Amino acid sequence: MSTISRDDILKLAQLARLELSDAEVTEYSKELTEIVEYVEQLNSVDVTGLKPTFYGSSQTNVYREDIIKDYGYATEELRKNVPSVESDHIKVRRMIG
């Protein structure tokens, strides 16, 4: 079994530009060690004879053809009804600050 050492955690924190307390280093060392042990457990599973699964679901995307609908209005006529137009686009107030 692999254990993630304190030095490993400190190196990862340095690479990620994180400042960790001693308690966090201890906690992350324990948690990452548990993750590595779980991955090792998964690697030990016998999967001979199993076909690879590329998707977790049997559902497929449903595509439709893009069809341009003509509603009988000219774009220029519609732009006359909006308060502000910029570069052939409708200009609106900023929604997110």
PDB file of N, CA and C in Angstrom:
ATOM      1  N   MET A   1       0.826  -1.186   0.000  1.00  0.00           N
ATOM      2  CA  MET A   1       0.000   0.000   0.000  1.00  0.00           C
ATOM      3  C   MET A   1       0.869   1.248   0.000  1.00  0.00           C
ATOM      4  N   SER A   2       0.429   2.207  -0.761  1.00  0.00           N
ATOM      5  CA  SER A   2       1.160   3.470  -0.844  1.00  0.00           C
ATOM      6  C   SER A   2       0.603   4.467   0.156  1.00  0.00           C
ATOM      7  N   THR A   3       1.494   5.225   0.733  1.00  0.00           N
ATOM      8  CA  THR A   3       1.046   6.306   1.594  1.00  0.00           C
ATOM      9  C   THR A   3       1.579   7.612   1.038  1.00  0.00           C
ATOM     10  N   ILE A   4       0.776   8.626   1.155  1.00  0.00           N
ATOM     11  CA  ILE A   4       1.179   9.944   0.701  1.00  0.00           C
ATOM     12  C   ILE A   4       1.811  10.651   1.892  1.00  0.00           C
ATOM     13  N   SER A   5       3.075  10.968   1.771  1.00  0.00           N
ATOM     14  CA  SER A   5       3.803  11.552   2.898  1.00  0.00           C
ATOM     15  C   SER A   5       3.529  13.043   3.035  1.00  0.00           C
ATOM     16  N   ARG A   6       3.952  13.557   4.166  1.00  0.00           N
ATOM     17  CA  ARG A   6       3.830  14.994   4.427  1.00  0.00           C
ATOM     18  C   ARG A   6       4.585  15.789   3.363  1.00  0.00           C
ATOM     19  N   ASP A   7       5.768  15.303   2.981  1.00  0.00           N
ATOM     20  CA  ASP A   7       6.555  15.990   1.951  1.00  0.00           C
ATOM     21  C   ASP A   7       5.835  16.004   0.606  1.00  0.00           C
ATOM     22  N   ASP A   8       5.152  14.892   0.295  1.00  0.00           N
ATOM     23  CA  ASP A   8       4.378  14.841  -0.949  1.00  0.00           C
ATOM     24  C   ASP A   8       3.272  15.900  -0.950  1.00  0.00           C
ATOM     25  N   ILE A   9       2.577  16.021   0.181  1.00  0.00           N
ATOM     26  CA  ILE A   9       1.497  17.000   0.301  1.00  0.00           C
ATOM     27  C   ILE A   9       2.053  18.418   0.177  1.00  0.00           C
ATOM     28  N   LEU A  10       3.163  18.673   0.831  1.00  0.00           N
ATOM     29  CA  LEU A  10       3.772  19.999   0.760  1.00  0.00           C
ATOM     30  C   LEU A  10       4.232  20.324  -0.648  1.00  0.00           C
ATOM     31  N   LYS A  11       4.750  19.335  -1.364  1.00  0.00           N
ATOM     32  CA  LYS A  11       5.173  19.542  -2.752  1.00  0.00           C
ATOM     33  C   LYS A  11       3.954  19.851  -3.631  1.00  0.00           C
ATOM     34  N   LEU A  12       2.868  19.081  -3.468  1.00  0.00           N
ATOM     35  CA  LEU A  12       1.642  19.338  -4.221  1.00  0.00           C
ATOM     36  C   LEU A  12       1.080  20.724  -3.913  1.00  0.00           C
ATOM     37  N   ALA A  13       1.115  21.103  -2.652  1.00  0.00           N
ATOM     38  CA  ALA A  13       0.618  22.421  -2.252  1.00  0.00           C
ATOM     39  C   ALA A  13       1.462  23.523  -2.884  1.00  0.00           C
ATOM     40  N   GLN A  14       2.764  23.303  -2.941  1.00  0.00           N
ATOM     41  CA  GLN A  14       3.645  24.290  -3.558  1.00  0.00           C
ATOM     42  C   GLN A  14       3.340  24.414  -5.052  1.00  0.00           C
ATOM     43  N   LEU A  15       3.156  23.284  -5.723  1.00  0.00           N
ATOM     44  CA  LEU A  15       2.845  23.309  -7.153  1.00  0.00           C
ATOM     45  C   LEU A  15       1.507  23.990  -7.429  1.00  0.00           C
ATOM     46  N   ALA A  16       0.559  23.804  -6.524  1.00  0.00           N
ATOM     47  CA  ALA A  16      -0.771  24.403  -6.681  1.00  0.00           C
ATOM     48  C   ALA A  16      -0.830  25.807  -6.073  1.00  0.00           C
ATOM     49  N   ARG A  17       0.289  26.245  -5.520  1.00  0.00           N
ATOM     50  CA  ARG A  17       0.377  27.560  -4.881  1.00  0.00           C
ATOM     51  C   ARG A  17      -0.662  27.713  -3.763  1.00  0.00           C
ATOM     52  N   LEU A  18      -0.717  26.682  -2.916  1.00  0.00           N
ATOM     53  CA  LEU A  18      -1.636  26.685  -1.779  1.00  0.00           C
ATOM     54  C   LEU A  18      -0.839  26.798  -0.490  1.00  0.00           C
ATOM     55  N   GLU A  19      -1.398  27.512   0.454  1.00  0.00           N
ATOM     56  CA  GLU A  19      -0.810  27.555   1.791  1.00  0.00           C
ATOM     57  C   GLU A  19      -1.676  26.685   2.688  1.00  0.00           C
ATOM     58  N   LEU A  20      -1.068  25.650   3.255  1.00  0.00           N
ATOM     59  CA  LEU A  20      -1.813  24.701   4.088  1.00  0.00           C
ATOM     60  C   LEU A  20      -1.323  24.762   5.521  1.00  0.00           C
ATOM     61  N   SER A  21      -2.260  24.616   6.439  1.00  0.00           N
ATOM     62  CA  SER A  21      -1.898  24.521   7.852  1.00  0.00           C
ATOM     63  C   SER A  21      -1.417  23.089   8.126  1.00  0.00           C
ATOM     64  N   ASP A  22      -0.830  22.902   9.295  1.00  0.00           N
ATOM     65  CA  ASP A  22      -0.367  21.556   9.675  1.00  0.00           C
ATOM     66  C   ASP A  22      -1.541  20.578   9.724  1.00  0.00           C
ATOM     67  N   ALA A  23      -2.688  21.048  10.212  1.00  0.00           N
ATOM     68  CA  ALA A  23      -3.865  20.180  10.293  1.00  0.00           C
ATOM     69  C   ALA A  23      -4.329  19.783   8.892  1.00  0.00           C
ATOM     70  N   GLU A  24      -4.294  20.730   7.954  1.00  0.00           N
ATOM     71  CA  GLU A  24      -4.702  20.421   6.580  1.00  0.00           C
ATOM     72  C   GLU A  24      -3.739  19.439   5.925  1.00  0.00           C
ATOM     73  N   VAL A  25      -2.451  19.602   6.164  1.00  0.00           N
ATOM     74  CA  VAL A  25      -1.463  18.677   5.602  1.00  0.00           C
ATOM     75  C   VAL A  25      -1.732  17.266   6.099  1.00  0.00           C
ATOM     76  N   THR A  26      -1.999  17.133   7.396  1.00  0.00           N
ATOM     77  CA  THR A  26      -2.299  15.825   7.978  1.00  0.00           C
ATOM     78  C   THR A  26      -3.583  15.241   7.388  1.00  0.00           C
ATOM     79  N   GLU A  27      -4.613  16.082   7.284  1.00  0.00           N
ATOM     80  CA  GLU A  27      -5.904  15.632   6.746  1.00  0.00           C
ATOM     81  C   GLU A  27      -5.770  15.201   5.277  1.00  0.00           C
ATOM     82  N   TYR A  28      -5.098  16.028   4.464  1.00  0.00           N
ATOM     83  CA  TYR A  28      -4.959  15.696   3.048  1.00  0.00           C
ATOM     84  C   TYR A  28      -4.091  14.467   2.834  1.00  0.00           C
ATOM     85  N   SER A  29      -3.094  14.301   3.677  1.00  0.00           N
ATOM     86  CA  SER A  29      -2.250  13.104   3.583  1.00  0.00           C
ATOM     87  C   SER A  29      -3.091  11.858   3.793  1.00  0.00           C
ATOM     88  N   LYS A  30      -3.956  11.890   4.803  1.00  0.00           N
ATOM     89  CA  LYS A  30      -4.834  10.750   5.088  1.00  0.00           C
ATOM     90  C   LYS A  30      -5.812  10.516   3.934  1.00  0.00           C
ATOM     91  N   GLU A  31      -6.463  11.597   3.478  1.00  0.00           N
ATOM     92  CA  GLU A  31      -7.468  11.466   2.421  1.00  0.00           C
ATOM     93  C   GLU A  31      -6.857  10.970   1.103  1.00  0.00           C
ATOM     94  N   LEU A  32      -5.717  11.526   0.707  1.00  0.00           N
ATOM     95  CA  LEU A  32      -5.094  11.100  -0.551  1.00  0.00           C
ATOM     96  C   LEU A  32      -4.574   9.676  -0.461  1.00  0.00           C
ATOM     97  N   THR A  33      -4.111   9.274   0.719  1.00  0.00           N
ATOM     98  CA  THR A  33      -3.686   7.886   0.899  1.00  0.00           C
ATOM     99  C   THR A  33      -4.866   6.948   0.707  1.00  0.00           C
ATOM    100  N   GLU A  34      -6.037   7.318   1.251  1.00  0.00           N
ATOM    101  CA  GLU A  34      -7.236   6.499   1.076  1.00  0.00           C
ATOM    102  C   GLU A  34      -7.642   6.417  -0.399  1.00  0.00           C
ATOM    103  N   ILE A  35      -7.508   7.513  -1.127  1.00  0.00           N
ATOM    104  CA  ILE A  35      -7.843   7.513  -2.557  1.00  0.00           C
ATOM    105  C   ILE A  35      -6.913   6.589  -3.326  1.00  0.00           C
ATOM    106  N   VAL A  36      -5.617   6.684  -3.042  1.00  0.00           N
ATOM    107  CA  VAL A  36      -4.640   5.822  -3.725  1.00  0.00           C
ATOM    108  C   VAL A  36      -4.902   4.359  -3.402  1.00  0.00           C
ATOM    109  N   GLU A  37      -5.231   4.056  -2.161  1.00  0.00           N
ATOM    110  CA  GLU A  37      -5.538   2.676  -1.787  1.00  0.00           C
ATOM    111  C   GLU A  37      -6.762   2.161  -2.524  1.00  0.00           C
ATOM    112  N   TYR A  38      -7.771   3.025  -2.698  1.00  0.00           N
ATOM    113  CA  TYR A  38      -8.969   2.622  -3.434  1.00  0.00           C
ATOM    114  C   TYR A  38      -8.648   2.353  -4.900  1.00  0.00           C
ATOM    115  N   VAL A  39      -7.812   3.193  -5.504  1.00  0.00           N
ATOM    116  CA  VAL A  39      -7.407   2.973  -6.897  1.00  0.00           C
ATOM    117  C   VAL A  39      -6.621   1.673  -7.021  1.00  0.00           C
ATOM    118  N   GLU A  40      -5.753   1.394  -6.050  1.00  0.00           N
ATOM    119  CA  GLU A  40      -5.019   0.129  -6.059  1.00  0.00           C
ATOM    120  C   GLU A  40      -5.979  -1.053  -5.955  1.00  0.00           C
ATOM    121  N   GLN A  41      -7.009  -0.895  -5.144  1.00  0.00           N
ATOM    122  CA  GLN A  41      -8.024  -1.946  -5.014  1.00  0.00           C
ATOM    123  C   GLN A  41      -8.741  -2.146  -6.357  1.00  0.00           C
ATOM    124  N   LEU A  42      -9.066  -1.065  -7.040  1.00  0.00           N
ATOM    125  CA  LEU A  42      -9.718  -1.175  -8.355  1.00  0.00           C
ATOM    126  C   LEU A  42      -8.790  -1.834  -9.369  1.00  0.00           C
ATOM    127  N   ASN A  43      -7.498  -1.536  -9.300  1.00  0.00           N
ATOM    128  CA  ASN A  43      -6.541  -2.127 -10.227  1.00  0.00           C
ATOM    129  C   ASN A  43      -6.389  -3.629 -10.025  1.00  0.00           C
ATOM    130  N   SER A  44      -6.720  -4.118  -8.844  1.00  0.00           N
ATOM    131  CA  SER A  44      -6.559  -5.547  -8.578  1.00  0.00           C
ATOM    132  C   SER A  44      -7.761  -6.380  -9.024  1.00  0.00           C
ATOM    133  N   VAL A  45      -8.819  -5.735  -9.482  1.00  0.00           N
ATOM    134  CA  VAL A  45     -10.024  -6.449  -9.908  1.00  0.00           C
ATOM    135  C   VAL A  45      -9.750  -7.169 -11.226  1.00  0.00           C
ATOM    136  N   ASP A  46     -10.199  -8.427 -11.316  1.00  0.00           N
ATOM    137  CA  ASP A  46     -10.027  -9.214 -12.534  1.00  0.00           C
ATOM    138  C   ASP A  46     -11.113  -8.832 -13.544  1.00  0.00           C
ATOM    139  N   VAL A  47     -10.696  -8.267 -14.650  1.00  0.00           N
ATOM    140  CA  VAL A  47     -11.654  -7.822 -15.670  1.00  0.00           C
ATOM    141  C   VAL A  47     -11.476  -8.587 -16.988  1.00  0.00           C
ATOM    142  N   THR A  48     -10.816  -9.726 -16.925  1.00  0.00           N
ATOM    143  CA  THR A  48     -10.631 -10.491 -18.146  1.00  0.00           C
ATOM    144  C   THR A  48     -11.984 -10.933 -18.688  1.00  0.00           C
ATOM    145  N   GLY A  49     -12.153 -10.798 -19.972  1.00  0.00           N
ATOM    146  CA  GLY A  49     -13.387 -11.204 -20.630  1.00  0.00           C
ATOM    147  C   GLY A  49     -14.460 -10.133 -20.656  1.00  0.00           C
ATOM    148  N   LEU A  50     -14.212  -9.001 -20.019  1.00  0.00           N
ATOM    149  CA  LEU A  50     -15.195  -7.922 -20.043  1.00  0.00           C
ATOM    150  C   LEU A  50     -14.905  -6.970 -21.195  1.00  0.00           C
ATOM    151  N   LYS A  51     -15.959  -6.575 -21.881  1.00  0.00           N
ATOM    152  CA  LYS A  51     -15.794  -5.613 -22.962  1.00  0.00           C
ATOM    153  C   LYS A  51     -15.702  -4.209 -22.374  1.00  0.00           C
ATOM    154  N   PRO A  52     -14.862  -3.364 -22.968  1.00  0.00           N
ATOM    155  CA  PRO A  52     -14.759  -1.996 -22.462  1.00  0.00           C
ATOM    156  C   PRO A  52     -16.076  -1.237 -22.658  1.00  0.00           C
ATOM    157  N   THR A  53     -16.395  -0.395 -21.718  1.00  0.00           N
ATOM    158  CA  THR A  53     -17.573   0.452 -21.806  1.00  0.00           C
ATOM    159  C   THR A  53     -17.103   1.869 -22.079  1.00  0.00           C
ATOM    160  N   PHE A  54     -17.544   2.411 -23.181  1.00  0.00           N
ATOM    161  CA  PHE A  54     -17.119   3.758 -23.537  1.00  0.00           C
ATOM    162  C   PHE A  54     -18.069   4.804 -22.978  1.00  0.00           C
ATOM    163  N   TYR A  55     -19.299   4.422 -22.723  1.00  0.00           N
ATOM    164  CA  TYR A  55     -20.278   5.343 -22.179  1.00  0.00           C
ATOM    165  C   TYR A  55     -20.946   4.691 -20.972  1.00  0.00           C
ATOM    166  N   GLY A  56     -21.260   5.493 -19.973  1.00  0.00           N
ATOM    167  CA  GLY A  56     -21.904   4.965 -18.781  1.00  0.00           C
ATOM    168  C   GLY A  56     -23.394   4.772 -18.958  1.00  0.00           C
ATOM    169  N   SER A  57     -23.909   5.168 -20.094  1.00  0.00           N
ATOM    170  CA  SER A  57     -25.344   5.084 -20.328  1.00  0.00           C
ATOM    171  C   SER A  57     -25.578   4.585 -21.745  1.00  0.00           C
ATOM    172  N   SER A  58     -26.686   3.905 -21.930  1.00  0.00           N
ATOM    173  CA  SER A  58     -27.006   3.415 -23.273  1.00  0.00           C
ATOM    174  C   SER A  58     -27.750   4.460 -24.093  1.00  0.00           C
ATOM    175  N   GLN A  59     -28.025   5.618 -23.498  1.00  0.00           N
ATOM    176  CA  GLN A  59     -28.725   6.669 -24.225  1.00  0.00           C
ATOM    177  C   GLN A  59     -27.797   7.290 -25.260  1.00  0.00           C
ATOM    178  N   THR A  60     -28.390   7.705 -26.349  1.00  0.00           N
ATOM    179  CA  THR A  60     -27.617   8.372 -27.395  1.00  0.00           C
ATOM    180  C   THR A  60     -28.199   9.755 -27.633  1.00  0.00           C
ATOM    181  N   ASN A  61     -27.382  10.620 -28.195  1.00  0.00           N
ATOM    182  CA  ASN A  61     -27.849  11.951 -28.531  1.00  0.00           C
ATOM    183  C   ASN A  61     -28.831  11.884 -29.682  1.00  0.00           C
ATOM    184  N   VAL A  62     -29.833  12.722 -29.622  1.00  0.00           N
ATOM    185  CA  VAL A  62     -30.801  12.807 -30.702  1.00  0.00           C
ATOM    186  C   VAL A  62     -30.520  14.104 -31.440  1.00  0.00           C
ATOM    187  N   TYR A  63     -30.169  13.978 -32.682  1.00  0.00           N
ATOM    188  CA  TYR A  63     -29.846  15.145 -33.487  1.00  0.00           C
ATOM    189  C   TYR A  63     -30.988  15.435 -34.442  1.00  0.00           C
ATOM    190  N   ARG A  64     -31.154  16.699 -34.715  1.00  0.00           N
ATOM    191  CA  ARG A  64     -32.128  17.088 -35.722  1.00  0.00           C
ATOM    192  C   ARG A  64     -31.442  18.032 -36.688  1.00  0.00           C
ATOM    193  N   GLU A  65     -31.962  18.091 -37.853  1.00  0.00           N
ATOM    194  CA  GLU A  65     -31.412  18.968 -38.865  1.00  0.00           C
ATOM    195  C   GLU A  65     -31.772  20.412 -38.520  1.00  0.00           C
ATOM    196  N   ASP A  66     -30.801  21.301 -38.638  1.00  0.00           N
ATOM    197  CA  ASP A  66     -31.076  22.717 -38.409  1.00  0.00           C
ATOM    198  C   ASP A  66     -31.779  23.274 -39.639  1.00  0.00           C
ATOM    199  N   ILE A  67     -32.963  23.785 -39.408  1.00  0.00           N
ATOM    200  CA  ILE A  67     -33.752  24.333 -40.506  1.00  0.00           C
ATOM    201  C   ILE A  67     -33.996  25.810 -40.215  1.00  0.00           C
ATOM    202  N   ILE A  68     -33.670  26.659 -41.154  1.00  0.00           N
ATOM    203  CA  ILE A  68     -33.914  28.081 -41.003  1.00  0.00           C
ATOM    204  C   ILE A  68     -35.361  28.347 -41.387  1.00  0.00           C
ATOM    205  N   LYS A  69     -36.085  28.942 -40.444  1.00  0.00           N
ATOM    206  CA  LYS A  69     -37.488  29.243 -40.702  1.00  0.00           C
ATOM    207  C   LYS A  69     -37.620  30.711 -41.090  1.00  0.00           C
ATOM    208  N   ASP A  70     -38.335  30.962 -42.122  1.00  0.00           N
ATOM    209  CA  ASP A  70     -38.589  32.328 -42.562  1.00  0.00           C
ATOM    210  C   ASP A  70     -39.974  32.724 -42.069  1.00  0.00           C
ATOM    211  N   TYR A  71     -40.019  33.708 -41.175  1.00  0.00           N
ATOM    212  CA  TYR A  71     -41.288  34.147 -40.616  1.00  0.00           C
ATOM    213  C   TYR A  71     -41.871  35.339 -41.380  1.00  0.00           C
ATOM    214  N   GLY A  72     -41.212  35.710 -42.468  1.00  0.00           N
ATOM    215  CA  GLY A  72     -41.747  36.773 -43.309  1.00  0.00           C
ATOM    216  C   GLY A  72     -41.375  38.177 -42.873  1.00  0.00           C
ATOM    217  N   TYR A  73     -40.443  38.306 -41.934  1.00  0.00           N
ATOM    218  CA  TYR A  73     -40.011  39.630 -41.492  1.00  0.00           C
ATOM    219  C   TYR A  73     -38.579  39.863 -41.931  1.00  0.00           C
ATOM    220  N   ALA A  74     -38.291  41.046 -42.367  1.00  0.00           N
ATOM    221  CA  ALA A  74     -36.916  41.400 -42.725  1.00  0.00           C
ATOM    222  C   ALA A  74     -36.174  41.785 -41.447  1.00  0.00           C
ATOM    223  N   THR A  75     -34.922  41.404 -41.353  1.00  0.00           N
ATOM    224  CA  THR A  75     -34.117  41.685 -40.174  1.00  0.00           C
ATOM    225  C   THR A  75     -34.053  43.178 -39.898  1.00  0.00           C
ATOM    226  N   GLU A  76     -33.911  43.962 -40.941  1.00  0.00           N
ATOM    227  CA  GLU A  76     -33.819  45.409 -40.776  1.00  0.00           C
ATOM    228  C   GLU A  76     -35.099  45.973 -40.140  1.00  0.00           C
ATOM    229  N   GLU A  77     -36.243  45.418 -40.522  1.00  0.00           N
ATOM    230  CA  GLU A  77     -37.513  45.875 -39.951  1.00  0.00           C
ATOM    231  C   GLU A  77     -37.573  45.576 -38.453  1.00  0.00           C
ATOM    232  N   LEU A  78     -37.119  44.408 -38.067  1.00  0.00           N
ATOM    233  CA  LEU A  78     -37.141  44.023 -36.656  1.00  0.00           C
ATOM    234  C   LEU A  78     -36.191  44.891 -35.828  1.00  0.00           C
ATOM    235  N   ARG A  79     -35.035  45.231 -36.384  1.00  0.00           N
ATOM    236  CA  ARG A  79     -34.063  46.047 -35.647  1.00  0.00           C
ATOM    237  C   ARG A  79     -34.593  47.455 -35.386  1.00  0.00           C
ATOM    238  N   LYS A  80     -35.544  47.910 -36.176  1.00  0.00           N
ATOM    239  CA  LYS A  80     -36.130  49.238 -35.968  1.00  0.00           C
ATOM    240  C   LYS A  80     -36.911  49.289 -34.657  1.00  0.00           C
ATOM    241  N   ASN A  81     -37.328  48.149 -34.135  1.00  0.00           N
ATOM    242  CA  ASN A  81     -38.154  48.099 -32.926  1.00  0.00           C
ATOM    243  C   ASN A  81     -37.361  48.020 -31.625  1.00  0.00           C
ATOM    244  N   VAL A  82     -36.044  47.927 -31.714  1.00  0.00           N
ATOM    245  CA  VAL A  82     -35.243  47.801 -30.491  1.00  0.00           C
ATOM    246  C   VAL A  82     -34.585  49.138 -30.160  1.00  0.00           C
ATOM    247  N   PRO A  83     -34.315  49.389 -28.882  1.00  0.00           N
ATOM    248  CA  PRO A  83     -33.756  50.687 -28.501  1.00  0.00           C
ATOM    249  C   PRO A  83     -32.352  50.951 -29.029  1.00  0.00           C
ATOM    250  N   SER A  84     -31.508  49.903 -29.130  1.00  0.00           N
ATOM    251  CA  SER A  84     -30.118  50.143 -29.511  1.00  0.00           C
ATOM    252  C   SER A  84     -29.572  48.979 -30.334  1.00  0.00           C
ATOM    253  N   VAL A  85     -28.867  49.322 -31.403  1.00  0.00           N
ATOM    254  CA  VAL A  85     -28.243  48.323 -32.278  1.00  0.00           C
ATOM    255  C   VAL A  85     -26.775  48.701 -32.438  1.00  0.00           C
ATOM    256  N   GLU A  86     -25.915  47.691 -32.374  1.00  0.00           N
ATOM    257  CA  GLU A  86     -24.482  47.914 -32.572  1.00  0.00           C
ATOM    258  C   GLU A  86     -23.924  46.778 -33.413  1.00  0.00           C
ATOM    259  N   SER A  87     -23.319  47.091 -34.527  1.00  0.00           N
ATOM    260  CA  SER A  87     -22.721  46.103 -35.441  1.00  0.00           C
ATOM    261  C   SER A  87     -23.732  45.026 -35.827  1.00  0.00           C
ATOM    262  N   ASP A  88     -24.919  45.437 -36.204  1.00  0.00           N
ATOM    263  CA  ASP A  88     -25.998  44.537 -36.626  1.00  0.00           C
ATOM    264  C   ASP A  88     -26.480  43.594 -35.530  1.00  0.00           C
ATOM    265  N   HIS A  89     -26.172  43.932 -34.265  1.00  0.00           N
ATOM    266  CA  HIS A  89     -26.632  43.132 -33.126  1.00  0.00           C
ATOM    267  C   HIS A  89     -27.470  44.001 -32.209  1.00  0.00           C
ATOM    268  N   ILE A  90     -28.428  43.396 -31.545  1.00  0.00           N
ATOM    269  CA  ILE A  90     -29.228  44.120 -30.574  1.00  0.00           C
ATOM    270  C   ILE A  90     -28.363  44.352 -29.328  1.00  0.00           C
ATOM    271  N   LYS A  91     -28.242  45.598 -28.911  1.00  0.00           N
ATOM    272  CA  LYS A  91     -27.438  45.936 -27.754  1.00  0.00           C
ATOM    273  C   LYS A  91     -28.351  46.051 -26.540  1.00  0.00           C
ATOM    274  N   VAL A  92     -27.984  45.336 -25.470  1.00  0.00           N
ATOM    275  CA  VAL A  92     -28.773  45.357 -24.240  1.00  0.00           C
ATOM    276  C   VAL A  92     -27.882  45.809 -23.086  1.00  0.00           C
ATOM    277  N   ARG A  93     -28.526  46.181 -21.974  1.00  0.00           N
ATOM    278  CA  ARG A  93     -27.764  46.577 -20.800  1.00  0.00           C
ATOM    279  C   ARG A  93     -27.049  45.362 -20.213  1.00  0.00           C
ATOM    280  N   ARG A  94     -25.968  45.625 -19.534  1.00  0.00           N
ATOM    281  CA  ARG A  94     -25.197  44.580 -18.876  1.00  0.00           C
ATOM    282  C   ARG A  94     -26.065  43.917 -17.808  1.00  0.00           C
ATOM    283  N   MET A  95     -26.100  42.583 -17.810  1.00  0.00           N
ATOM    284  CA  MET A  95     -26.958  41.853 -16.883  1.00  0.00           C
ATOM    285  C   MET A  95     -26.214  41.416 -15.630  1.00  0.00           C
ATOM    286  N   ILE A  96     -24.930  41.160 -15.733  1.00  0.00           N
ATOM    287  CA  ILE A  96     -24.135  40.666 -14.611  1.00  0.00           C
ATOM    288  C   ILE A  96     -23.072  41.711 -14.307  1.00  0.00           C
ATOM    289  N   GLY A  97     -22.948  42.074 -13.055  1.00  0.00           N
ATOM    290  CA  GLY A  97     -21.997  43.138 -12.680  1.00  0.00           C
ATOM    291  C   GLY A  97     -20.654  42.641 -12.333  1.00  0.00           C
TER     292      GLY A  97
END
